[in-house]
């Protein structure tokens, strides 16, 4: 393969910068929703016997409401930053 063919394949397989930014925004919204859900969970006092998806329950039992929300929020910020970087690189 020539260098030009490899470059064309890279451009065709790279994702859309707007899609990456959208996923980052979605992750930020999910982090906010998860934090709000944890607040409602704590306010209800239903810490025993409550139904919750096991990865979320594990994250909550390990660190409470802050660590899972912060980690997902950081993933969202990284997604937005990566999308903006891709958009700037495509314009250059």
PDB file of N, CA and C in Angstrom:
ATOM      1  N   UNK A   1       0.838  -1.188   0.000  1.00  0.00           N
ATOM      2  CA  UNK A   1       0.000   0.000   0.000  1.00  0.00           C
ATOM      3  C   UNK A   1       0.878   1.244   0.000  1.00  0.00           C
ATOM      4  N   UNK A   2       0.396   2.223  -0.708  1.00  0.00           N
ATOM      5  CA  UNK A   2       1.133   3.481  -0.722  1.00  0.00           C
ATOM      6  C   UNK A   2       0.737   4.305   0.494  1.00  0.00           C
ATOM      7  N   UNK A   3       1.516   5.306   0.748  1.00  0.00           N
ATOM      8  CA  UNK A   3       1.262   6.191   1.884  1.00  0.00           C
ATOM      9  C   UNK A   3      -0.076   6.903   1.718  1.00  0.00           C
ATOM     10  N   UNK A   4      -0.413   7.260   0.489  1.00  0.00           N
ATOM     11  CA  UNK A   4      -1.685   7.946   0.223  1.00  0.00           C
ATOM     12  C   UNK A   4      -2.875   7.032   0.521  1.00  0.00           C
ATOM     13  N   UNK A   5      -2.764   5.749   0.176  1.00  0.00           N
ATOM     14  CA  UNK A   5      -3.849   4.806   0.445  1.00  0.00           C
ATOM     15  C   UNK A   5      -4.051   4.619   1.945  1.00  0.00           C
ATOM     16  N   UNK A   6      -2.953   4.543   2.687  1.00  0.00           N
ATOM     17  CA  UNK A   6      -3.042   4.398   4.149  1.00  0.00           C
ATOM     18  C   UNK A   6      -3.699   5.629   4.752  1.00  0.00           C
ATOM     19  N   UNK A   7      -3.349   6.810   4.262  1.00  0.00           N
ATOM     20  CA  UNK A   7      -3.933   8.047   4.769  1.00  0.00           C
ATOM     21  C   UNK A   7      -5.436   8.092   4.467  1.00  0.00           C
ATOM     22  N   UNK A   8      -5.837   7.641   3.284  1.00  0.00           N
ATOM     23  CA  UNK A   8      -7.262   7.608   2.937  1.00  0.00           C
ATOM     24  C   UNK A   8      -8.027   6.659   3.848  1.00  0.00           C
ATOM     25  N   UNK A   9      -7.446   5.515   4.166  1.00  0.00           N
ATOM     26  CA  UNK A   9      -8.099   4.552   5.070  1.00  0.00           C
ATOM     27  C   UNK A   9      -8.233   5.150   6.459  1.00  0.00           C
ATOM     28  N   UNK A  10      -7.191   5.835   6.931  1.00  0.00           N
ATOM     29  CA  UNK A  10      -7.257   6.468   8.248  1.00  0.00           C
ATOM     30  C   UNK A  10      -8.366   7.515   8.297  1.00  0.00           C
ATOM     31  N   UNK A  11      -8.511   8.299   7.230  1.00  0.00           N
ATOM     32  CA  UNK A  11      -9.548   9.332   7.213  1.00  0.00           C
ATOM     33  C   UNK A  11     -10.943   8.722   7.160  1.00  0.00           C
ATOM     34  N   UNK A  12     -11.096   7.607   6.457  1.00  0.00           N
ATOM     35  CA  UNK A  12     -12.398   6.969   6.344  1.00  0.00           C
ATOM     36  C   UNK A  12     -12.819   6.285   7.639  1.00  0.00           C
ATOM     37  N   UNK A  13     -11.878   5.754   8.391  1.00  0.00           N
ATOM     38  CA  UNK A  13     -12.218   5.017   9.609  1.00  0.00           C
ATOM     39  C   UNK A  13     -12.260   5.887  10.855  1.00  0.00           C
ATOM     40  N   UNK A  14     -11.771   7.112  10.750  1.00  0.00           N
ATOM     41  CA  UNK A  14     -11.819   7.968  11.935  1.00  0.00           C
ATOM     42  C   UNK A  14     -13.248   8.441  12.158  1.00  0.00           C
ATOM     43  N   UNK A  15     -13.628   8.578  13.433  1.00  0.00           N
ATOM     44  CA  UNK A  15     -14.982   8.978  13.768  1.00  0.00           C
ATOM     45  C   UNK A  15     -15.195  10.459  13.570  1.00  0.00           C
ATOM     46  N   UNK A  16     -16.421  10.841  13.679  1.00  0.00           N
ATOM     47  CA  UNK A  16     -16.784  12.242  13.542  1.00  0.00           C
ATOM     48  C   UNK A  16     -16.435  12.991  14.821  1.00  0.00           C
ATOM     49  N   UNK A  17     -15.803  14.159  14.700  1.00  0.00           N
ATOM     50  CA  UNK A  17     -15.527  14.940  15.910  1.00  0.00           C
ATOM     51  C   UNK A  17     -16.807  15.329  16.655  1.00  0.00           C
ATOM     52  N   UNK A  18     -17.868  15.624  15.913  1.00  0.00           N
ATOM     53  CA  UNK A  18     -19.125  15.979  16.574  1.00  0.00           C
ATOM     54  C   UNK A  18     -19.713  14.789  17.323  1.00  0.00           C
ATOM     55  N   UNK A  19     -19.504  13.579  16.785  1.00  0.00           N
ATOM     56  CA  UNK A  19     -19.959  12.384  17.483  1.00  0.00           C
ATOM     57  C   UNK A  19     -19.216  12.185  18.791  1.00  0.00           C
ATOM     58  N   UNK A  20     -17.908  12.440  18.768  1.00  0.00           N
ATOM     59  CA  UNK A  20     -17.102  12.311  19.979  1.00  0.00           C
ATOM     60  C   UNK A  20     -17.519  13.355  21.010  1.00  0.00           C
ATOM     61  N   UNK A  21     -17.766  14.570  20.550  1.00  0.00           N
ATOM     62  CA  UNK A  21     -18.225  15.625  21.462  1.00  0.00           C
ATOM     63  C   UNK A  21     -19.592  15.258  22.031  1.00  0.00           C
ATOM     64  N   UNK A  22     -20.467  14.721  21.195  1.00  0.00           N
ATOM     65  CA  UNK A  22     -21.791  14.297  21.660  1.00  0.00           C
ATOM     66  C   UNK A  22     -21.713  13.204  22.707  1.00  0.00           C
ATOM     67  N   UNK A  23     -20.810  12.249  22.500  1.00  0.00           N
ATOM     68  CA  UNK A  23     -20.635  11.194  23.509  1.00  0.00           C
ATOM     69  C   UNK A  23     -20.104  11.775  24.812  1.00  0.00           C
ATOM     70  N   UNK A  24     -19.208  12.755  24.715  1.00  0.00           N
ATOM     71  CA  UNK A  24     -18.692  13.406  25.917  1.00  0.00           C
ATOM     72  C   UNK A  24     -19.784  14.135  26.675  1.00  0.00           C
ATOM     73  N   UNK A  25     -20.637  14.835  25.935  1.00  0.00           N
ATOM     74  CA  UNK A  25     -21.760  15.534  26.571  1.00  0.00           C
ATOM     75  C   UNK A  25     -22.719  14.521  27.197  1.00  0.00           C
ATOM     76  N   UNK A  26     -22.940  13.418  26.500  1.00  0.00           N
ATOM     77  CA  UNK A  26     -23.794  12.364  27.051  1.00  0.00           C
ATOM     78  C   UNK A  26     -23.233  11.798  28.339  1.00  0.00           C
ATOM     79  N   UNK A  27     -21.913  11.608  28.393  1.00  0.00           N
ATOM     80  CA  UNK A  27     -21.289  11.098  29.616  1.00  0.00           C
ATOM     81  C   UNK A  27     -21.424  12.100  30.759  1.00  0.00           C
ATOM     82  N   UNK A  28     -21.291  13.399  30.441  1.00  0.00           N
ATOM     83  CA  UNK A  28     -21.480  14.412  31.485  1.00  0.00           C
ATOM     84  C   UNK A  28     -22.914  14.408  32.008  1.00  0.00           C
ATOM     85  N   UNK A  29     -23.870  14.292  31.099  1.00  0.00           N
ATOM     86  CA  UNK A  29     -25.269  14.219  31.529  1.00  0.00           C
ATOM     87  C   UNK A  29     -25.521  12.966  32.359  1.00  0.00           C
ATOM     88  N   UNK A  30     -24.900  11.862  31.959  1.00  0.00           N
ATOM     89  CA  UNK A  30     -25.054  10.624  32.716  1.00  0.00           C
ATOM     90  C   UNK A  30     -24.446  10.758  34.112  1.00  0.00           C
ATOM     91  N   UNK A  31     -23.309  11.442  34.226  1.00  0.00           N
ATOM     92  CA  UNK A  31     -22.691  11.653  35.530  1.00  0.00           C
ATOM     93  C   UNK A  31     -23.601  12.488  36.430  1.00  0.00           C
ATOM     94  N   UNK A  32     -24.189  13.526  35.855  1.00  0.00           N
ATOM     95  CA  UNK A  32     -25.120  14.350  36.630  1.00  0.00           C
ATOM     96  C   UNK A  32     -26.354  13.574  37.048  1.00  0.00           C
ATOM     97  N   UNK A  33     -26.893  12.769  36.128  1.00  0.00           N
ATOM     98  CA  UNK A  33     -28.056  11.957  36.447  1.00  0.00           C
ATOM     99  C   UNK A  33     -27.753  10.909  37.514  1.00  0.00           C
ATOM    100  N   UNK A  34     -26.567  10.301  37.415  1.00  0.00           N
ATOM    101  CA  UNK A  34     -26.167   9.302  38.403  1.00  0.00           C
ATOM    102  C   UNK A  34     -26.017   9.933  39.786  1.00  0.00           C
ATOM    103  N   UNK A  35     -25.411  11.116  39.833  1.00  0.00           N
ATOM    104  CA  UNK A  35     -25.254  11.809  41.104  1.00  0.00           C
ATOM    105  C   UNK A  35     -26.618  12.142  41.699  1.00  0.00           C
ATOM    106  N   UNK A  36     -27.518  12.640  40.858  1.00  0.00           N
ATOM    107  CA  UNK A  36     -28.869  12.958  41.330  1.00  0.00           C
ATOM    108  C   UNK A  36     -29.575  11.697  41.823  1.00  0.00           C
ATOM    109  N   UNK A  37     -29.411  10.600  41.081  1.00  0.00           N
ATOM    110  CA  UNK A  37     -30.043   9.342  41.483  1.00  0.00           C
ATOM    111  C   UNK A  37     -29.502   8.882  42.840  1.00  0.00           C
ATOM    112  N   UNK A  38     -28.174   9.014  43.036  1.00  0.00           N
ATOM    113  CA  UNK A  38     -27.589   8.658  44.335  1.00  0.00           C
ATOM    114  C   UNK A  38     -28.136   9.547  45.450  1.00  0.00           C
ATOM    115  N   UNK A  39     -28.315  10.840  45.156  1.00  0.00           N
ATOM    116  CA  UNK A  39     -28.891  11.731  46.171  1.00  0.00           C
ATOM    117  C   UNK A  39     -30.300  11.282  46.552  1.00  0.00           C
ATOM    118  N   UNK A  40     -31.125  10.954  45.567  1.00  0.00           N
ATOM    119  CA  UNK A  40     -32.480  10.482  45.839  1.00  0.00           C
ATOM    120  C   UNK A  40     -32.460   9.154  46.590  1.00  0.00           C
ATOM    121  N   UNK A  41     -31.506   8.298  46.241  1.00  0.00           N
ATOM    122  CA  UNK A  41     -31.363   7.007  46.904  1.00  0.00           C
ATOM    123  C   UNK A  41     -31.042   7.201  48.386  1.00  0.00           C
ATOM    124  N   UNK A  42     -30.111   8.124  48.668  1.00  0.00           N
ATOM    125  CA  UNK A  42     -29.751   8.374  50.067  1.00  0.00           C
ATOM    126  C   UNK A  42     -30.878   9.054  50.830  1.00  0.00           C
ATOM    127  N   UNK A  43     -31.585   9.954  50.172  1.00  0.00           N
ATOM    128  CA  UNK A  43     -32.663  10.683  50.844  1.00  0.00           C
ATOM    129  C   UNK A  43     -33.836   9.771  51.183  1.00  0.00           C
ATOM    130  N   UNK A  44     -34.037   8.728  50.392  1.00  0.00           N
ATOM    131  CA  UNK A  44     -35.164   7.827  50.649  1.00  0.00           C
ATOM    132  C   UNK A  44     -34.895   6.907  51.835  1.00  0.00           C
ATOM    133  N   UNK A  45     -33.635   6.750  52.199  1.00  0.00           N
ATOM    134  CA  UNK A  45     -33.293   5.882  53.315  1.00  0.00           C
ATOM    135  C   UNK A  45     -33.405   4.404  52.984  1.00  0.00           C
ATOM    136  N   UNK A  46     -33.540   4.066  51.716  1.00  0.00           N
ATOM    137  CA  UNK A  46     -33.706   2.671  51.304  1.00  0.00           C
ATOM    138  C   UNK A  46     -32.368   2.042  50.967  1.00  0.00           C
ATOM    139  N   UNK A  47     -31.429   2.120  51.905  1.00  0.00           N
ATOM    140  CA  UNK A  47     -30.105   1.576  51.608  1.00  0.00           C
ATOM    141  C   UNK A  47     -30.083   0.055  51.667  1.00  0.00           C
ATOM    142  N   UNK A  48     -31.036  -0.547  52.331  1.00  0.00           N
ATOM    143  CA  UNK A  48     -31.116  -2.012  52.384  1.00  0.00           C
ATOM    144  C   UNK A  48     -32.328  -2.478  51.596  1.00  0.00           C
ATOM    145  N   UNK A  49     -32.121  -3.481  50.782  1.00  0.00           N
ATOM    146  CA  UNK A  49     -33.216  -4.060  50.032  1.00  0.00           C
ATOM    147  C   UNK A  49     -33.598  -3.304  48.774  1.00  0.00           C
ATOM    148  N   UNK A  50     -32.870  -2.248  48.458  1.00  0.00           N
ATOM    149  CA  UNK A  50     -33.175  -1.494  47.257  1.00  0.00           C
ATOM    150  C   UNK A  50     -32.623  -2.224  46.033  1.00  0.00           C
ATOM    151  N   UNK A  51     -33.311  -2.114  44.924  1.00  0.00           N
ATOM    152  CA  UNK A  51     -32.873  -2.756  43.684  1.00  0.00           C
ATOM    153  C   UNK A  51     -32.027  -1.770  42.888  1.00  0.00           C
ATOM    154  N   UNK A  52     -30.876  -2.274  42.446  1.00  0.00           N
ATOM    155  CA  UNK A  52     -29.942  -1.434  41.720  1.00  0.00           C
ATOM    156  C   UNK A  52     -29.068  -2.353  40.885  1.00  0.00           C
ATOM    157  N   UNK A  53     -28.672  -1.887  39.700  1.00  0.00           N
ATOM    158  CA  UNK A  53     -27.788  -2.667  38.838  1.00  0.00           C
ATOM    159  C   UNK A  53     -26.475  -2.887  39.580  1.00  0.00           C
ATOM    160  N   UNK A  54     -25.916  -4.117  39.539  1.00  0.00           N
ATOM    161  CA  UNK A  54     -24.798  -4.476  40.398  1.00  0.00           C
ATOM    162  C   UNK A  54     -23.544  -3.628  40.167  1.00  0.00           C
ATOM    163  N   UNK A  55     -23.171  -3.209  38.942  1.00  0.00           N
ATOM    164  CA  UNK A  55     -21.978  -2.352  38.837  1.00  0.00           C
ATOM    165  C   UNK A  55     -22.164  -1.010  39.536  1.00  0.00           C
ATOM    166  N   UNK A  56     -23.383  -0.475  39.469  1.00  0.00           N
ATOM    167  CA  UNK A  56     -23.648   0.791  40.154  1.00  0.00           C
ATOM    168  C   UNK A  56     -23.619   0.581  41.661  1.00  0.00           C
ATOM    169  N   UNK A  57     -24.188  -0.523  42.125  1.00  0.00           N
ATOM    170  CA  UNK A  57     -24.171  -0.821  43.556  1.00  0.00           C
ATOM    171  C   UNK A  57     -22.741  -1.015  44.053  1.00  0.00           C
ATOM    172  N   UNK A  58     -21.932  -1.702  43.263  1.00  0.00           N
ATOM    173  CA  UNK A  58     -20.531  -1.907  43.643  1.00  0.00           C
ATOM    174  C   UNK A  58     -19.786  -0.578  43.727  1.00  0.00           C
ATOM    175  N   UNK A  59     -19.974   0.276  42.734  1.00  0.00           N
ATOM    176  CA  UNK A  59     -19.315   1.588  42.745  1.00  0.00           C
ATOM    177  C   UNK A  59     -19.772   2.410  43.946  1.00  0.00           C
ATOM    178  N   UNK A  60     -21.059   2.358  44.248  1.00  0.00           N
ATOM    179  CA  UNK A  60     -21.586   3.105  45.392  1.00  0.00           C
ATOM    180  C   UNK A  60     -21.046   2.554  46.702  1.00  0.00           C
ATOM    181  N   UNK A  61     -20.969   1.225  46.824  1.00  0.00           N
ATOM    182  CA  UNK A  61     -20.469   0.614  48.064  1.00  0.00           C
ATOM    183  C   UNK A  61     -18.987   0.880  48.256  1.00  0.00           C
ATOM    184  N   UNK A  62     -18.233   1.002  47.178  1.00  0.00           N
ATOM    185  CA  UNK A  62     -16.788   1.254  47.299  1.00  0.00           C
ATOM    186  C   UNK A  62     -16.514   2.694  47.713  1.00  0.00           C
ATOM    187  N   UNK A  63     -17.182   3.654  47.083  1.00  0.00           N
ATOM    188  CA  UNK A  63     -16.800   5.032  47.356  1.00  0.00           C
ATOM    189  C   UNK A  63     -17.908   6.011  47.617  1.00  0.00           C
ATOM    190  N   UNK A  64     -19.140   5.575  47.607  1.00  0.00           N
ATOM    191  CA  UNK A  64     -20.228   6.519  47.793  1.00  0.00           C
ATOM    192  C   UNK A  64     -20.641   7.133  46.475  1.00  0.00           C
ATOM    193  N   UNK A  65     -21.240   8.316  46.537  1.00  0.00           N
ATOM    194  CA  UNK A  65     -21.768   8.917  45.313  1.00  0.00           C
ATOM    195  C   UNK A  65     -20.729   9.712  44.531  1.00  0.00           C
ATOM    196  N   UNK A  66     -19.690  10.197  45.173  1.00  0.00           N
ATOM    197  CA  UNK A  66     -18.746  11.077  44.488  1.00  0.00           C
ATOM    198  C   UNK A  66     -17.829  10.377  43.489  1.00  0.00           C
ATOM    199  N   UNK A  67     -17.119   9.301  43.847  1.00  0.00           N
ATOM    200  CA  UNK A  67     -16.175   8.713  42.879  1.00  0.00           C
ATOM    201  C   UNK A  67     -16.797   8.256  41.563  1.00  0.00           C
ATOM    202  N   UNK A  68     -17.918   7.523  41.553  1.00  0.00           N
ATOM    203  CA  UNK A  68     -18.466   7.133  40.246  1.00  0.00           C
ATOM    204  C   UNK A  68     -18.894   8.338  39.411  1.00  0.00           C
ATOM    205  N   UNK A  69     -19.462   9.340  40.070  1.00  0.00           N
ATOM    206  CA  UNK A  69     -19.901  10.528  39.344  1.00  0.00           C
ATOM    207  C   UNK A  69     -18.714  11.298  38.780  1.00  0.00           C
ATOM    208  N   UNK A  70     -17.651  11.396  39.547  1.00  0.00           N
ATOM    209  CA  UNK A  70     -16.462  12.119  39.085  1.00  0.00           C
ATOM    210  C   UNK A  70     -15.788  11.374  37.943  1.00  0.00           C
ATOM    211  N   UNK A  71     -15.669  10.056  38.044  1.00  0.00           N
ATOM    212  CA  UNK A  71     -15.012   9.282  36.989  1.00  0.00           C
ATOM    213  C   UNK A  71     -15.782   9.407  35.672  1.00  0.00           C
ATOM    214  N   UNK A  72     -17.096   9.265  35.718  1.00  0.00           N
ATOM    215  CA  UNK A  72     -17.892   9.382  34.496  1.00  0.00           C
ATOM    216  C   UNK A  72     -17.836  10.817  33.969  1.00  0.00           C
ATOM    217  N   UNK A  73     -17.825  11.793  34.851  1.00  0.00           N
ATOM    218  CA  UNK A  73     -17.689  13.186  34.431  1.00  0.00           C
ATOM    219  C   UNK A  73     -16.351  13.451  33.751  1.00  0.00           C
ATOM    220  N   UNK A  74     -15.280  12.870  34.284  1.00  0.00           N
ATOM    221  CA  UNK A  74     -13.965  13.032  33.657  1.00  0.00           C
ATOM    222  C   UNK A  74     -13.908  12.369  32.288  1.00  0.00           C
ATOM    223  N   UNK A  75     -14.579  11.239  32.147  1.00  0.00           N
ATOM    224  CA  UNK A  75     -14.660  10.591  30.831  1.00  0.00           C
ATOM    225  C   UNK A  75     -15.383  11.516  29.848  1.00  0.00           C
ATOM    226  N   UNK A  76     -16.430  12.163  30.313  1.00  0.00           N
ATOM    227  CA  UNK A  76     -17.159  13.108  29.466  1.00  0.00           C
ATOM    228  C   UNK A  76     -16.311  14.295  29.060  1.00  0.00           C
ATOM    229  N   UNK A  77     -15.564  14.845  30.003  1.00  0.00           N
ATOM    230  CA  UNK A  77     -14.678  15.973  29.699  1.00  0.00           C
ATOM    231  C   UNK A  77     -13.599  15.552  28.715  1.00  0.00           C
ATOM    232  N   UNK A  78     -13.051  14.356  28.908  1.00  0.00           N
ATOM    233  CA  UNK A  78     -12.035  13.851  27.980  1.00  0.00           C
ATOM    234  C   UNK A  78     -12.618  13.658  26.584  1.00  0.00           C
ATOM    235  N   UNK A  79     -13.844  13.165  26.489  1.00  0.00           N
ATOM    236  CA  UNK A  79     -14.489  12.997  25.190  1.00  0.00           C
ATOM    237  C   UNK A  79     -14.700  14.313  24.478  1.00  0.00           C
ATOM    238  N   UNK A  80     -15.132  15.321  25.213  1.00  0.00           N
ATOM    239  CA  UNK A  80     -15.317  16.641  24.616  1.00  0.00           C
ATOM    240  C   UNK A  80     -13.980  17.207  24.153  1.00  0.00           C
ATOM    241  N   UNK A  81     -12.959  17.086  24.987  1.00  0.00           N
ATOM    242  CA  UNK A  81     -11.633  17.602  24.625  1.00  0.00           C
ATOM    243  C   UNK A  81     -11.080  16.880  23.395  1.00  0.00           C
ATOM    244  N   UNK A  82     -11.255  15.570  23.346  1.00  0.00           N
ATOM    245  CA  UNK A  82     -10.769  14.807  22.198  1.00  0.00           C
ATOM    246  C   UNK A  82     -11.513  15.204  20.924  1.00  0.00           C
ATOM    247  N   UNK A  83     -12.815  15.391  21.018  1.00  0.00           N
ATOM    248  CA  UNK A  83     -13.603  15.809  19.860  1.00  0.00           C
ATOM    249  C   UNK A  83     -13.205  17.174  19.354  1.00  0.00           C
ATOM    250  N   UNK A  84     -12.968  18.105  20.276  1.00  0.00           N
ATOM    251  CA  UNK A  84     -12.525  19.451  19.877  1.00  0.00           C
ATOM    252  C   UNK A  84     -11.147  19.369  19.230  1.00  0.00           C
ATOM    253  N   UNK A  85     -10.266  18.548  19.792  1.00  0.00           N
ATOM    254  CA  UNK A  85      -8.931  18.382  19.216  1.00  0.00           C
ATOM    255  C   UNK A  85      -9.011  17.809  17.801  1.00  0.00           C
ATOM    256  N   UNK A  86      -9.888  16.813  17.600  1.00  0.00           N
ATOM    257  CA  UNK A  86     -10.062  16.232  16.264  1.00  0.00           C
ATOM    258  C   UNK A  86     -10.615  17.273  15.291  1.00  0.00           C
ATOM    259  N   UNK A  87     -11.551  18.089  15.761  1.00  0.00           N
ATOM    260  CA  UNK A  87     -12.142  19.096  14.903  1.00  0.00           C
ATOM    261  C   UNK A  87     -11.104  20.127  14.471  1.00  0.00           C
ATOM    262  N   UNK A  88     -10.264  20.540  15.405  1.00  0.00           N
ATOM    263  CA  UNK A  88      -9.199  21.497  15.079  1.00  0.00           C
ATOM    264  C   UNK A  88      -8.196  20.883  14.129  1.00  0.00           C
ATOM    265  N   UNK A  89      -7.863  19.617  14.348  1.00  0.00           N
ATOM    266  CA  UNK A  89      -6.896  18.934  13.483  1.00  0.00           C
ATOM    267  C   UNK A  89      -7.442  18.777  12.061  1.00  0.00           C
ATOM    268  N   UNK A  90      -8.746  18.525  11.909  1.00  0.00           N
ATOM    269  CA  UNK A  90      -9.335  18.383  10.577  1.00  0.00           C
ATOM    270  C   UNK A  90      -9.361  19.718   9.835  1.00  0.00           C
ATOM    271  N   UNK A  91      -9.506  20.811  10.558  1.00  0.00           N
ATOM    272  CA  UNK A  91      -9.545  22.133   9.915  1.00  0.00           C
ATOM    273  C   UNK A  91      -8.146  22.545   9.435  1.00  0.00           C
ATOM    274  N   UNK A  92      -7.124  22.010  10.069  1.00  0.00           N
ATOM    275  CA  UNK A  92      -5.747  22.402   9.716  1.00  0.00           C
ATOM    276  C   UNK A  92      -5.292  21.763   8.447  1.00  0.00           C
TER     277      UNK A  92
END
